[in-house]
Amino acid sequence: MAAKITGTFTIGDNTFKFTAIAFGRIGGHNIGAKVSKSTEKSLQKLGYDVNEVIDTLQKNLVTGNIILPEGLSRDSFADG
């Protein structure tokens, strides 16, 4: 099973958009996340290592460490 994910993540007072492909569903075994070039530039300007940010984002998605929009049930798409 694979799923396309779009969402945002927040670092400090800054919120950024991302896209990802989840293999084995959210909370499953593998997720590939990407950010836009403009987000990469913004993260770098703020002093963040883009690869570390994406690694952390992917780990949070794999472990299910997320906040869902109101009305969306974790049971409908997440493992565990």
C-alpha atoms as a PDB file:
ATOM      1  CA  MET A   1       0.000   0.000   0.000  1.00  0.00           C
ATOM      2  CA  ALA A   2       1.236   3.514  -0.786  1.00  0.00           C
ATOM      3  CA  ALA A   3      -0.250   6.893   0.061  1.00  0.00           C
ATOM      4  CA  LYS A   4       0.504  10.461  -0.967  1.00  0.00           C
ATOM      5  CA  ILE A   5       0.704  12.891   1.942  1.00  0.00           C
ATOM      6  CA  THR A   6       0.635  16.683   1.868  1.00  0.00           C
ATOM      7  CA  GLY A   7       0.976  18.693   5.008  1.00  0.00           C
ATOM      8  CA  THR A   8       2.907  21.190   7.040  1.00  0.00           C
ATOM      9  CA  PHE A   9       5.508  21.026   9.768  1.00  0.00           C
ATOM     10  CA  THR A  10       6.485  23.715  12.226  1.00  0.00           C
ATOM     11  CA  ILE A  11       9.908  24.666  13.527  1.00  0.00           C
ATOM     12  CA  GLY A  12       9.797  27.443  16.099  1.00  0.00           C
ATOM     13  CA  ASP A  13       7.452  30.107  14.748  1.00  0.00           C
ATOM     14  CA  ASN A  14       7.849  28.962  11.123  1.00  0.00           C
ATOM     15  CA  THR A  15       5.531  26.615   9.245  1.00  0.00           C
ATOM     16  CA  PHE A  16       6.590  24.869   6.031  1.00  0.00           C
ATOM     17  CA  LYS A  17       4.775  22.712   3.470  1.00  0.00           C
ATOM     18  CA  PHE A  18       5.891  19.204   2.513  1.00  0.00           C
ATOM     19  CA  THR A  19       4.836  16.289   0.358  1.00  0.00           C
ATOM     20  CA  ALA A  20       5.572  12.639   1.008  1.00  0.00           C
ATOM     21  CA  ILE A  21       4.921   9.142  -0.213  1.00  0.00           C
ATOM     22  CA  ALA A  22       4.203   6.587   2.519  1.00  0.00           C
ATOM     23  CA  PHE A  23       4.852   2.928   1.780  1.00  0.00           C
ATOM     24  CA  GLY A  24       3.050   0.707   4.243  1.00  0.00           C
ATOM     25  CA  ARG A  25       0.861   3.621   5.411  1.00  0.00           C
ATOM     26  CA  ILE A  26       1.635   6.337   7.963  1.00  0.00           C
ATOM     27  CA  GLY A  27       3.212   4.672  10.949  1.00  0.00           C
ATOM     28  CA  GLY A  28       4.450   1.998   8.555  1.00  0.00           C
ATOM     29  CA  HIS A  29       7.916   1.100   7.455  1.00  0.00           C
ATOM     30  CA  ASN A  30       9.010   3.762   4.959  1.00  0.00           C
ATOM     31  CA  ILE A  31       8.199   7.344   4.024  1.00  0.00           C
ATOM     32  CA  GLY A  32       9.936   9.614   1.527  1.00  0.00           C
ATOM     33  CA  ALA A  33       9.350  13.317   2.253  1.00  0.00           C
ATOM     34  CA  LYS A  34      10.269  16.316   0.100  1.00  0.00           C
ATOM     35  CA  VAL A  35      10.188  20.081   0.465  1.00  0.00           C
ATOM     36  CA  SER A  36      10.250  22.715  -2.270  1.00  0.00           C
ATOM     37  CA  LYS A  37      13.371  24.623  -3.268  1.00  0.00           C
ATOM     38  CA  SER A  38      11.932  27.774  -1.678  1.00  0.00           C
ATOM     39  CA  THR A  39      11.379  25.886   1.589  1.00  0.00           C
ATOM     40  CA  GLU A  40      14.959  24.577   1.400  1.00  0.00           C
ATOM     41  CA  LYS A  41      16.223  28.152   0.997  1.00  0.00           C
ATOM     42  CA  SER A  42      14.076  29.376   3.896  1.00  0.00           C
ATOM     43  CA  LEU A  43      15.341  26.583   6.159  1.00  0.00           C
ATOM     44  CA  GLN A  44      18.957  27.320   5.219  1.00  0.00           C
ATOM     45  CA  LYS A  45      18.446  31.046   5.815  1.00  0.00           C
ATOM     46  CA  LEU A  46      17.182  30.200   9.313  1.00  0.00           C
ATOM     47  CA  GLY A  47      20.307  28.101   9.915  1.00  0.00           C
ATOM     48  CA  TYR A  48      18.787  24.625   9.631  1.00  0.00           C
ATOM     49  CA  ASP A  49      20.376  21.651   7.879  1.00  0.00           C
ATOM     50  CA  VAL A  50      17.771  20.672   5.276  1.00  0.00           C
ATOM     51  CA  ASN A  51      18.733  16.976   5.332  1.00  0.00           C
ATOM     52  CA  GLU A  52      18.400  16.829   9.126  1.00  0.00           C
ATOM     53  CA  VAL A  53      14.993  18.513   8.955  1.00  0.00           C
ATOM     54  CA  ILE A  54      13.750  16.043   6.324  1.00  0.00           C
ATOM     55  CA  ASP A  55      15.170  13.088   8.307  1.00  0.00           C
ATOM     56  CA  THR A  56      13.336  14.271  11.425  1.00  0.00           C
ATOM     57  CA  LEU A  57      10.128  14.849   9.450  1.00  0.00           C
ATOM     58  CA  GLN A  58      10.308  11.339   7.978  1.00  0.00           C
ATOM     59  CA  LYS A  59      10.965   9.779  11.404  1.00  0.00           C
ATOM     60  CA  ASN A  60       7.959  11.618  12.849  1.00  0.00           C
ATOM     61  CA  LEU A  61       5.745  10.425   9.998  1.00  0.00           C
ATOM     62  CA  VAL A  62       6.963   6.814  10.269  1.00  0.00           C
ATOM     63  CA  THR A  63       6.347   6.732  14.015  1.00  0.00           C
ATOM     64  CA  GLY A  64       2.949   8.414  13.662  1.00  0.00           C
ATOM     65  CA  ASN A  65       4.069  11.505  15.608  1.00  0.00           C
ATOM     66  CA  ILE A  66       1.629  13.804  13.797  1.00  0.00           C
ATOM     67  CA  ILE A  67      -1.355  16.062  14.399  1.00  0.00           C
ATOM     68  CA  LEU A  68      -4.307  15.338  12.160  1.00  0.00           C
ATOM     69  CA  PRO A  69      -6.798  17.850  10.792  1.00  0.00           C
ATOM     70  CA  GLU A  70     -10.066  17.903  12.694  1.00  0.00           C
ATOM     71  CA  GLY A  71     -12.484  15.256  11.473  1.00  0.00           C
ATOM     72  CA  LEU A  72      -9.778  12.914  10.163  1.00  0.00           C
ATOM     73  CA  SER A  73      -9.445   9.578  11.939  1.00  0.00           C
ATOM     74  CA  ARG A  74      -6.017   7.990  12.405  1.00  0.00           C
ATOM     75  CA  ASP A  75      -7.700   4.584  12.021  1.00  0.00           C
ATOM     76  CA  SER A  76      -8.610   5.425   8.427  1.00  0.00           C
ATOM     77  CA  PHE A  77      -5.015   5.483   7.174  1.00  0.00           C
ATOM     78  CA  ALA A  78      -2.402   4.792   9.887  1.00  0.00           C
ATOM     79  CA  ASP A  79      -0.883   1.517  11.033  1.00  0.00           C
ATOM     80  CA  GLY A  80      -0.796   0.680  14.714  1.00  0.00           C
END
